[in-house]
Protein backbone atom coordinates (compact mmCIF):
# COMPACT_ATOMS: atom_id res chain seq x y z
CA MET A 1 -11.36 28.81 -15.11
CA LYS A 2 -7.55 28.50 -16.27
CA VAL A 3 -7.23 26.76 -19.48
CA SER A 4 -3.87 25.39 -18.08
CA SER A 5 -5.55 24.09 -14.89
CA LEU A 6 -8.02 22.09 -16.91
CA ILE A 7 -5.59 20.45 -19.08
CA ILE A 8 -3.34 19.48 -15.99
CA GLY A 9 -6.48 18.37 -14.41
CA LEU A 10 -7.36 16.18 -16.91
CA TRP A 11 -4.13 14.86 -18.01
CA LEU A 12 -3.43 13.77 -14.60
CA ILE A 13 -6.84 12.24 -13.98
CA TYR A 14 -7.25 10.31 -17.18
CA GLY A 15 -3.87 9.45 -17.91
CA PHE A 16 -2.47 8.48 -14.32
CA ALA A 17 -5.32 8.20 -11.84
CA HIS A 18 -5.95 4.36 -12.81
CA ALA A 19 -2.42 3.94 -11.37
CA GLN A 20 -2.37 6.53 -8.62
CA VAL A 21 -5.86 6.94 -7.17
CA ARG A 22 -5.85 3.24 -6.10
CA THR A 23 -3.15 3.24 -2.89
CA LEU A 24 0.13 2.20 -4.55
CA GLY A 25 2.36 -0.16 -2.58
CA ILE A 26 3.77 1.53 0.39
CA GLY A 27 6.57 0.24 2.80
CA SER A 28 7.75 -3.05 2.57
CA ALA A 29 5.49 -3.61 -0.68
CA THR A 30 7.77 -1.17 -2.68
CA GLY A 31 10.75 -3.11 -2.85
CA LEU A 32 8.70 -6.35 -3.97
CA ALA A 33 7.15 -4.42 -7.24
CA ASN A 34 4.24 -4.37 -4.98
CA ALA A 35 3.74 -7.97 -4.96
CA ALA A 36 2.44 -7.73 -1.77
CA VAL A 37 -1.00 -9.16 -1.56
CA THR A 38 0.05 -11.87 0.72
CA LEU A 39 2.06 -9.71 3.24
CA ASN A 40 1.02 -9.87 6.84
CA ASP A 41 3.07 -7.15 8.38
CA TYR A 42 2.13 -3.69 9.87
CA TRP A 43 2.25 -2.03 6.28
CA SER A 44 -0.65 -4.17 5.28
CA ILE A 45 -2.99 -1.28 6.41
CA PHE A 46 -1.64 0.34 3.24
CA ASN A 47 -1.46 -2.71 1.03
CA ASN A 48 -3.84 -5.56 1.80
CA ILE A 49 -5.85 -4.84 5.00
CA GLY A 50 -6.61 -8.61 5.48
CA GLY A 51 -2.75 -9.26 6.50
CA LEU A 52 -2.97 -6.76 9.44
CA ALA A 53 -4.43 -9.29 11.85
CA TRP A 54 -1.07 -11.09 12.05
CA ILE A 55 0.75 -8.15 14.23
CA ASP A 56 1.14 -8.42 18.09
CA LYS A 57 2.34 -5.02 18.65
CA THR A 58 1.79 -1.20 17.91
CA PHE A 59 3.44 0.41 15.16
CA ALA A 60 4.02 4.06 13.71
CA MET A 61 5.05 4.52 10.15
CA THR A 62 5.44 7.12 7.67
CA SER A 63 6.88 7.23 3.83
CA PHE A 64 7.69 9.53 1.21
CA ASP A 65 7.37 8.75 -2.32
CA ASN A 66 8.56 10.35 -5.44
CA ARG A 67 7.33 8.71 -8.95
CA PHE A 68 9.80 9.28 -12.15
CA GLY A 69 11.89 12.43 -10.55
CA MET A 70 8.64 14.73 -11.15
CA ILE A 71 7.58 17.69 -9.18
CA GLY A 72 3.93 17.12 -8.02
CA PHE A 73 4.39 13.27 -8.09
CA ASN A 74 5.17 12.76 -4.50
CA THR A 75 2.95 10.83 -1.94
CA VAL A 76 3.42 11.38 1.63
CA SER A 77 1.72 8.89 3.92
CA ALA A 78 1.81 8.08 7.63
CA GLY A 79 -0.43 5.54 10.05
CA ILE A 80 -0.58 3.80 13.25
CA VAL A 81 -1.78 0.26 13.74
CA GLY A 82 -2.20 -1.80 16.69
CA ILE A 83 -4.36 -4.82 18.06
CA ASN A 84 -6.92 -4.63 20.84
CA LYS A 85 -7.74 -6.95 23.82
CA TRP A 86 -10.33 -8.91 21.61
CA GLY A 87 -7.77 -9.72 18.99
CA ILE A 88 -8.96 -7.31 16.20
CA ALA A 89 -5.94 -5.16 14.43
CA ASN A 90 -6.95 -1.73 13.79
CA GLY A 91 -5.12 1.21 12.10
CA LEU A 92 -5.73 4.93 10.89
CA THR A 93 -3.74 6.28 7.91
CA ILE A 94 -3.66 9.33 6.03
CA SER A 95 -1.71 10.12 2.47
CA GLN A 96 -1.53 12.70 0.22
CA PHE A 97 -0.36 12.98 -3.63
CA GLY A 98 0.04 15.73 -5.88
CA SER A 99 0.32 19.63 -5.95
CA GLU A 100 -1.45 22.59 -5.82
CA GLN A 101 -2.92 22.09 -9.44
CA TYR A 102 -4.09 18.50 -8.64
CA ARG A 103 -4.04 16.79 -5.19
CA GLU A 104 -5.27 13.69 -3.50
CA THR A 105 -5.95 13.20 -0.08
CA ASN A 106 -6.88 9.77 1.87
CA PHE A 107 -7.97 9.31 5.44
CA SER A 108 -8.77 5.61 6.05
CA LEU A 109 -9.73 3.40 8.99
CA GLY A 110 -9.18 -0.30 8.81
CA LEU A 111 -9.75 -3.38 10.76
CA SER A 112 -8.83 -6.87 10.35
CA HIS A 113 -9.31 -10.29 12.37
CA LYS A 114 -7.93 -13.58 12.45
CA LEU A 115 -9.13 -17.36 12.94
CA GLY A 116 -6.80 -20.09 12.92
CA ASN A 117 -4.76 -19.48 9.99
CA VAL A 118 -7.12 -17.34 8.16
CA SER A 119 -7.41 -13.28 8.59
CA ILE A 120 -9.80 -10.86 6.76
CA GLY A 121 -10.00 -7.32 6.84
CA LEU A 122 -12.16 -4.02 5.89
CA ARG A 123 -10.85 -0.75 4.86
CA ALA A 124 -12.87 2.53 4.74
CA ASN A 125 -11.28 5.66 2.73
CA TYR A 126 -12.31 8.91 2.63
CA PHE A 127 -11.19 10.28 -0.49
CA GLN A 128 -10.75 13.82 -1.78
CA MET A 129 -9.67 15.03 -5.06
CA ALA A 130 -9.05 18.59 -5.82
CA ILE A 131 -8.07 20.26 -9.02
CA GLU A 132 -7.45 23.73 -9.44
CA GLY A 133 -10.21 25.90 -10.90
CA LEU A 134 -12.41 22.67 -11.23
CA GLY A 135 -13.30 22.12 -7.66
CA THR A 136 -13.13 19.36 -5.00
CA ARG A 137 -14.66 15.87 -5.12
CA ARG A 138 -15.21 13.84 -2.05
CA ARG A 139 -15.89 10.05 -2.02
CA ILE A 140 -16.19 6.86 0.25
CA ILE A 141 -14.07 4.03 -1.07
CA LEU A 142 -13.81 0.47 0.32
CA GLU A 143 -11.61 -2.46 0.17
CA PHE A 144 -11.52 -5.86 1.45
CA GLY A 145 -8.84 -8.62 1.91
CA GLY A 146 -7.95 -11.62 3.06
CA VAL A 147 -4.73 -13.67 3.86
CA MET A 148 -4.15 -17.54 4.25
CA GLN A 149 -1.61 -19.79 5.62
CA LEU A 150 -2.15 -23.02 3.95
CA THR A 151 1.19 -24.89 5.28
CA SER A 152 4.07 -23.83 7.25
CA SER A 153 5.52 -22.34 4.05
CA LEU A 154 2.87 -21.52 1.78
CA TRP A 155 0.43 -18.40 2.00
CA LEU A 156 -2.37 -17.20 -0.17
CA GLY A 157 -3.77 -13.41 -0.45
CA ALA A 158 -6.53 -11.47 -2.05
CA HIS A 159 -7.73 -8.23 -2.27
CA ILE A 160 -10.20 -5.52 -3.73
CA TYR A 161 -10.28 -1.89 -3.78
CA ASN A 162 -13.25 0.38 -4.31
CA PHE A 163 -15.69 -2.67 -4.42
CA ASN A 164 -18.41 -0.17 -3.78
CA GLN A 165 -17.70 1.39 -7.24
CA ALA A 166 -17.45 5.07 -5.99
CA ARG A 167 -18.23 7.42 -8.75
CA VAL A 168 -16.06 10.51 -9.41
CA ALA A 169 -18.14 12.42 -11.90
CA ASP A 170 -22.00 12.03 -13.17
CA PHE A 171 -20.78 12.99 -16.75
CA GLN A 172 -20.77 9.42 -18.51
CA ASP A 173 -21.01 7.77 -15.39
CA GLU A 174 -17.14 8.22 -14.56
CA ARG A 175 -16.01 6.17 -11.69
CA LEU A 176 -12.71 5.34 -9.75
CA PRO A 177 -10.72 2.31 -10.56
CA VAL A 178 -11.89 -1.08 -9.27
CA VAL A 179 -8.58 -3.25 -8.71
CA MET A 180 -8.52 -6.93 -7.62
CA LYS A 181 -5.40 -8.72 -6.66
CA ALA A 182 -4.60 -12.33 -5.93
CA GLY A 183 -1.32 -14.12 -5.11
CA VAL A 184 0.83 -16.68 -3.46
CA SER A 185 3.79 -16.67 -1.55
CA TYR A 186 6.30 -19.44 -0.66
CA ARG A 187 8.64 -18.85 2.33
CA PRO A 188 10.59 -22.34 2.90
CA THR A 189 12.37 -20.30 5.80
CA GLU A 190 12.58 -17.35 8.07
CA LYS A 191 14.54 -15.93 5.90
CA LEU A 192 13.44 -16.25 2.27
CA MET A 193 10.19 -15.24 0.68
CA LEU A 194 8.99 -15.29 -2.78
CA ASN A 195 5.85 -14.02 -4.02
CA ILE A 196 3.85 -14.25 -7.10
CA GLU A 197 0.55 -12.06 -7.90
CA THR A 198 -1.79 -10.90 -10.63
CA GLU A 199 -3.46 -7.81 -10.56
CA LYS A 200 -6.36 -6.70 -12.53
CA ASP A 201 -8.00 -3.11 -12.84
CA ILE A 202 -11.40 -3.76 -14.61
CA ASP A 203 -10.58 -0.86 -17.20
CA PHE A 204 -6.95 -2.14 -18.27
CA PRO A 205 -5.08 -5.14 -19.26
CA GLN A 206 -3.93 -7.50 -16.42
CA THR A 207 -0.73 -6.69 -14.52
CA PHE A 208 1.66 -9.78 -13.39
CA LYS A 209 4.12 -9.27 -10.38
CA ALA A 210 6.64 -11.34 -8.65
CA GLY A 211 8.85 -10.30 -5.55
CA LEU A 212 12.04 -11.88 -3.50
CA ALA A 213 12.76 -10.90 -0.06
CA TYR A 214 15.65 -12.39 1.99
CA LYS A 215 16.79 -11.69 5.44
CA ILE A 216 20.44 -11.54 5.45
CA LEU A 217 20.84 -10.89 9.14
CA PRO A 218 17.94 -10.50 11.72
CA PRO A 219 18.42 -6.45 11.25
CA LEU A 220 18.86 -6.35 7.45
CA THR A 221 16.27 -7.32 4.68
CA ILE A 222 16.96 -6.95 1.05
CA ARG A 223 13.93 -7.05 -1.61
CA THR A 224 13.45 -7.02 -5.30
CA GLY A 225 11.01 -7.39 -7.66
CA ILE A 226 9.26 -7.11 -11.52
CA SER A 227 6.15 -6.03 -12.63
CA THR A 228 4.26 -5.80 -15.97
CA GLN A 229 2.21 -3.37 -17.97
CA PRO A 230 4.62 -1.11 -18.15
CA PHE A 231 7.75 -3.63 -16.76
CA ILE A 232 9.05 -2.07 -13.65
CA SER A 233 11.96 -3.61 -11.41
CA SER A 234 12.28 -2.46 -7.81
CA TYR A 235 15.34 -2.88 -5.66
CA GLY A 236 14.97 -2.31 -1.64
CA VAL A 237 16.61 -2.66 1.51
CA GLU A 238 15.20 -2.50 5.02
CA PHE A 239 17.23 -1.97 8.27
CA THR A 240 16.06 -2.21 12.01
CA TYR A 241 17.56 -0.95 15.17
CA TYR A 242 15.87 -1.68 18.30
CA ALA A 243 12.37 0.04 17.99
CA PHE A 244 13.17 1.95 14.85
CA GLY A 245 13.01 0.50 11.33
CA PHE A 246 14.35 2.28 7.88
CA LEU A 247 13.59 1.31 4.47
CA TYR A 248 14.46 2.72 0.96
CA THR A 249 13.47 1.31 -2.45
CA LEU A 250 14.51 2.41 -6.16
CA SER A 251 12.03 1.47 -8.75
CA THR A 252 13.13 1.79 -12.62
CA HIS A 253 10.44 2.25 -15.60
CA PRO A 254 11.51 1.79 -19.30
CA GLN A 255 11.10 5.37 -20.55
CA LEU A 256 10.77 7.60 -17.33
CA LEU A 257 13.21 8.49 -14.49
CA PRO A 258 13.69 6.24 -11.44
CA SER A 259 11.47 6.36 -8.58
CA HIS A 260 12.48 6.67 -4.67
CA HIS A 261 10.40 5.39 -1.67
CA ILE A 262 11.62 6.15 1.80
CA GLY A 263 9.82 4.66 4.77
CA LEU A 264 10.08 4.89 8.53
CA THR A 265 8.79 2.82 11.42
CA TYR A 266 8.64 2.97 15.28
CA GLN A 267 7.55 0.18 17.24
CA PHE A 268 5.84 1.06 20.39
CA ARG A 269 6.55 -0.89 23.73
CA LYS A 270 4.55 -1.50 26.72
CA ILE A 271 5.18 0.46 29.51
CA GLN A 272 5.79 -2.10 32.55
CA LYS A 273 4.30 -0.99 36.10
CA LYS A 274 6.63 -1.05 38.91
CA LYS A 275 5.78 -3.96 41.17
CA GLU A 276 4.60 -2.53 44.94
CA LYS A 277 6.72 -3.27 47.60
């Protein structure tokens, strides 16, 4: 066993895992500093599965995220979502974080259903953590969430990650983090959205987040947000062109270099059958 591999592995697991093993905000959530528990778009498959049921089309998406300009702190994700004839939204995702020394890989299947102004969803993750010289661990992680539209402008959202408390190691009963989120979203117009959210990892201090999104033009949206523990600010822009979408987010950290996030989306269109003459 390489001593260097052991040090790197332990440092990554205990110093960074509580922020990375859970799925970090992906896509539209990044520009809002991950104040995204109330969102009900196609990126919900990654952020809060409960919000996915509000979609009405099929989307494919992919993203690349680099944390703090550090080699090995990259996350690559891809997914596809749609809704079936029974009105149940579903999606598949895959994401990978890390390098040869330490790597996390996650496959997931999510389902979400809407009844009236309330939607709920369940996501099952097949999580794999591999450390050079120490082997590979595989676990099933379950998450559950919901979104509710109280009025035309007020939304609520809640989500819990790893409610089955998956164990990562038998030694000292080490488990993957359980993370709970709840928030409110105020949307006075179709152009403006203000989100406020709180997040609690049962082993770490509570985090508060706030995000603002404004649609300048139909194809152009800008986002910004802040979060505590530590204080992070995010600035994002999204542009759509026909069936394609592109977004970019820059996030700052008080001690580390900025983080960059890029997302690409494609909206599938139904093929219209030719009428028989």
